[in-house]
Protein backbone atom coordinates (compact mmCIF):
# COMPACT_ATOMS: atom_id res chain seq x y z
CA UNK A 1 -27.32 18.04 -39.26
CA UNK A 2 -28.81 20.57 -37.13
CA UNK A 3 -26.96 22.71 -34.33
CA UNK A 4 -28.77 20.93 -31.56
CA UNK A 5 -27.95 17.55 -33.17
CA UNK A 6 -24.22 18.58 -33.37
CA UNK A 7 -24.20 19.78 -29.51
CA UNK A 8 -25.70 16.46 -28.74
CA UNK A 9 -23.16 14.46 -30.28
CA UNK A 10 -20.41 16.69 -28.62
CA UNK A 11 -22.24 16.28 -25.32
CA UNK A 12 -22.57 12.58 -25.71
CA UNK A 13 -18.99 12.35 -26.62
CA UNK A 14 -17.74 14.32 -23.73
CA UNK A 15 -19.83 12.18 -21.51
CA UNK A 16 -18.27 8.52 -22.90
CA UNK A 17 -14.69 10.34 -22.60
CA UNK A 18 -15.53 11.49 -19.02
CA UNK A 19 -16.64 8.13 -18.09
CA UNK A 20 -13.54 6.28 -19.45
CA UNK A 21 -11.29 9.00 -17.75
CA UNK A 22 -13.08 8.41 -14.18
CA UNK A 23 -12.53 4.52 -14.87
CA UNK A 24 -8.90 5.04 -15.64
CA UNK A 25 -8.49 6.94 -12.44
CA UNK A 26 -10.40 4.63 -10.16
CA UNK A 27 -8.25 1.84 -11.77
CA UNK A 28 -4.99 3.79 -10.99
CA UNK A 29 -6.43 4.38 -7.22
CA UNK A 30 -7.43 0.80 -6.88
CA UNK A 31 -3.88 -0.85 -7.87
CA UNK A 32 -2.12 1.96 -5.87
CA UNK A 33 -4.29 0.89 -2.75
CA UNK A 34 -3.59 -2.79 -3.67
CA UNK A 35 0.10 -1.99 -3.90
CA UNK A 36 0.12 -0.03 -0.46
CA UNK A 37 -1.76 -2.77 1.34
CA UNK A 38 0.81 -5.57 0.01
CA UNK A 39 3.77 -3.53 1.00
CA UNK A 40 2.64 -2.52 4.55
CA UNK A 41 1.25 -6.17 5.54
CA UNK A 42 4.05 -7.80 3.80
CA UNK A 43 6.70 -5.80 5.32
CA UNK A 44 5.09 -6.30 8.75
CA UNK A 45 5.00 -9.87 8.53
CA UNK A 46 8.67 -10.05 7.47
CA UNK A 47 9.63 -7.87 10.27
CA UNK A 48 7.75 -9.91 12.82
CA UNK A 49 9.40 -12.71 11.25
CA UNK A 50 12.95 -11.23 11.79
CA UNK A 51 11.78 -10.41 15.56
CA UNK A 52 10.69 -13.93 16.22
CA UNK A 53 14.25 -15.25 14.86
CA UNK A 54 15.94 -12.54 17.11
CA UNK A 55 13.91 -13.86 20.24
CA UNK A 56 14.85 -17.38 19.46
CA UNK A 57 18.78 -16.22 19.73
CA UNK A 58 17.89 -16.12 23.57
CA UNK A 59 17.57 -20.06 23.57
CA UNK A 60 21.25 -21.51 23.48
CA UNK A 61 19.88 -25.13 22.95
CA UNK A 62 18.03 -24.45 19.74
CA UNK A 63 20.34 -25.37 17.14
CA UNK A 64 20.15 -27.69 14.13
CA UNK A 65 22.56 -30.01 12.78
CA UNK A 66 22.58 -31.29 9.15
CA UNK A 67 25.58 -33.57 8.30
CA UNK A 68 28.59 -31.83 10.11
CA UNK A 69 27.06 -28.37 9.81
CA UNK A 70 25.42 -26.91 13.05
CA UNK A 71 23.37 -23.60 13.02
CA UNK A 72 20.91 -21.82 15.19
CA UNK A 73 17.25 -22.43 14.83
CA UNK A 74 16.98 -18.58 13.97
CA UNK A 75 18.57 -19.29 10.44
CA UNK A 76 15.49 -21.09 8.80
CA UNK A 77 13.22 -18.43 10.54
CA UNK A 78 15.06 -15.72 8.75
CA UNK A 79 15.43 -17.60 5.79
CA UNK A 80 11.67 -17.92 5.71
CA UNK A 81 11.49 -14.30 6.10
CA UNK A 82 13.82 -13.74 2.96
CA UNK A 83 11.73 -15.80 1.13
CA UNK A 84 8.33 -14.20 1.91
CA UNK A 85 10.09 -11.02 1.10
CA UNK A 86 11.06 -12.02 -2.18
CA UNK A 87 7.77 -13.36 -3.14
CA UNK A 88 6.11 -10.35 -1.87
CA UNK A 89 8.33 -8.21 -4.05
CA UNK A 90 7.67 -10.46 -7.18
CA UNK A 91 3.91 -10.00 -6.79
CA UNK A 92 4.16 -6.56 -6.23
CA UNK A 93 6.64 -5.55 -8.92
CA UNK A 94 5.84 -7.84 -11.61
CA UNK A 95 2.05 -7.99 -10.97
CA UNK A 96 0.20 -5.53 -9.46
CA UNK A 97 2.93 -2.43 -10.33
CA UNK A 98 2.73 -3.47 -13.76
CA UNK A 99 -1.13 -3.43 -13.61
CA UNK A 100 -0.96 0.25 -12.36
CA UNK A 101 1.70 1.28 -14.98
CA UNK A 102 -1.07 0.21 -17.62
CA UNK A 103 -3.59 2.41 -15.77
CA UNK A 104 -1.33 5.29 -15.81
CA UNK A 105 -0.17 5.01 -19.46
CA UNK A 106 -3.90 5.04 -20.45
CA UNK A 107 -4.28 7.92 -18.30
CA UNK A 108 -1.40 9.84 -19.95
CA UNK A 109 -3.00 9.12 -23.39
CA UNK A 110 -6.13 10.57 -22.42
CA UNK A 111 -4.33 13.63 -20.83
CA UNK A 112 -2.38 13.98 -24.08
CA UNK A 113 -5.43 13.42 -26.38
CA UNK A 114 -7.41 15.87 -24.61
CA UNK A 115 -4.49 18.36 -23.30
CA UNK A 116 -6.31 21.39 -24.92
CA UNK A 117 -9.85 20.52 -24.62
CA UNK A 118 -12.01 22.92 -22.52
CA UNK A 119 -15.33 22.43 -21.19
CA UNK A 120 -17.01 25.58 -19.90
CA UNK A 121 -13.59 27.25 -19.92
CA UNK A 122 -11.97 24.72 -17.70
CA UNK A 123 -9.25 22.24 -18.70
CA UNK A 124 -10.59 19.00 -17.66
CA UNK A 125 -7.76 16.50 -18.09
CA UNK A 126 -4.16 16.49 -16.89
CA UNK A 127 -3.98 14.80 -13.44
CA UNK A 128 -2.20 11.54 -14.31
CA UNK A 129 0.70 13.65 -16.22
CA UNK A 130 0.81 16.35 -13.28
CA UNK A 131 1.48 13.39 -10.86
CA UNK A 132 4.02 11.88 -13.21
CA UNK A 133 5.74 15.29 -13.27
CA UNK A 134 5.79 15.42 -9.61
CA UNK A 135 7.22 11.95 -9.41
CA UNK A 136 10.24 12.57 -11.61
CA UNK A 137 11.75 10.87 -14.57
CA UNK A 138 10.45 7.65 -16.00
CA UNK A 139 11.60 4.67 -14.09
CA UNK A 140 12.03 6.43 -10.85
CA UNK A 141 9.31 4.56 -9.13
CA UNK A 142 11.19 1.29 -10.15
CA UNK A 143 14.26 2.32 -8.50
CA UNK A 144 12.10 3.46 -5.26
CA UNK A 145 10.40 0.10 -4.97
CA UNK A 146 13.64 -1.58 -5.40
CA UNK A 147 15.11 0.45 -2.65
CA UNK A 148 12.26 -0.10 -0.49
CA UNK A 149 12.34 -3.99 -0.72
CA UNK A 150 16.25 -3.89 -0.99
CA UNK A 151 16.61 -2.35 2.40
CA UNK A 152 14.41 -4.95 4.09
CA UNK A 153 16.18 -7.76 2.07
CA UNK A 154 19.62 -6.38 2.98
CA UNK A 155 18.77 -6.49 6.75
CA UNK A 156 17.77 -9.91 6.61
CA UNK A 157 20.83 -10.96 4.80
CA UNK A 158 22.91 -9.35 7.08
CA UNK A 159 20.85 -10.84 9.90
CA UNK A 160 21.39 -14.22 8.55
CA UNK A 161 25.23 -13.97 8.04
CA UNK A 162 25.64 -12.60 11.59
CA UNK A 163 23.65 -15.51 13.00
CA UNK A 164 25.65 -18.16 10.88
CA UNK A 165 28.96 -16.66 11.66
CA UNK A 166 28.65 -15.47 15.16
CA UNK A 167 26.40 -18.38 16.70
CA UNK A 168 28.44 -21.27 18.03
CA UNK A 169 26.11 -23.90 19.63
CA UNK A 170 26.94 -24.82 23.14
CA UNK A 171 25.83 -28.35 23.04
CA UNK A 172 27.82 -30.73 20.27
């Protein structure tokens, strides 16, 4: 094999590696974007539902009676918001987040495999690893997600308890 053929193989190999790396980074960005959209939209909708429940509390005659148990109409509204919040968490944490983690793992594999490779004197890989180092220990992002959803869920539960324990229907 001549020197020019060897260079062609190296150039071709570099192109393939760079193409995969670009796809991995684009995939990470795509799933990150999807996660941010579902979180911002989901939280906005759930907080709006909680707001509708709070607004409904001004109507004293808006109560429901099931068997011997009476409660304000805000209870099913808040409950609906809590179910929505839990559903959004499930889709986020167990679907989109897992796909993002897969793309991140592949990025780290590429970073590790080519961490010492230089192209024209420039180190080409390491972005995924650097971001991971800035985020912190493995599993930290899982804790952040649980806190993110947990705060809203906890507020909803407290709101529900306050309505159930503090609301007394004026009409019996």
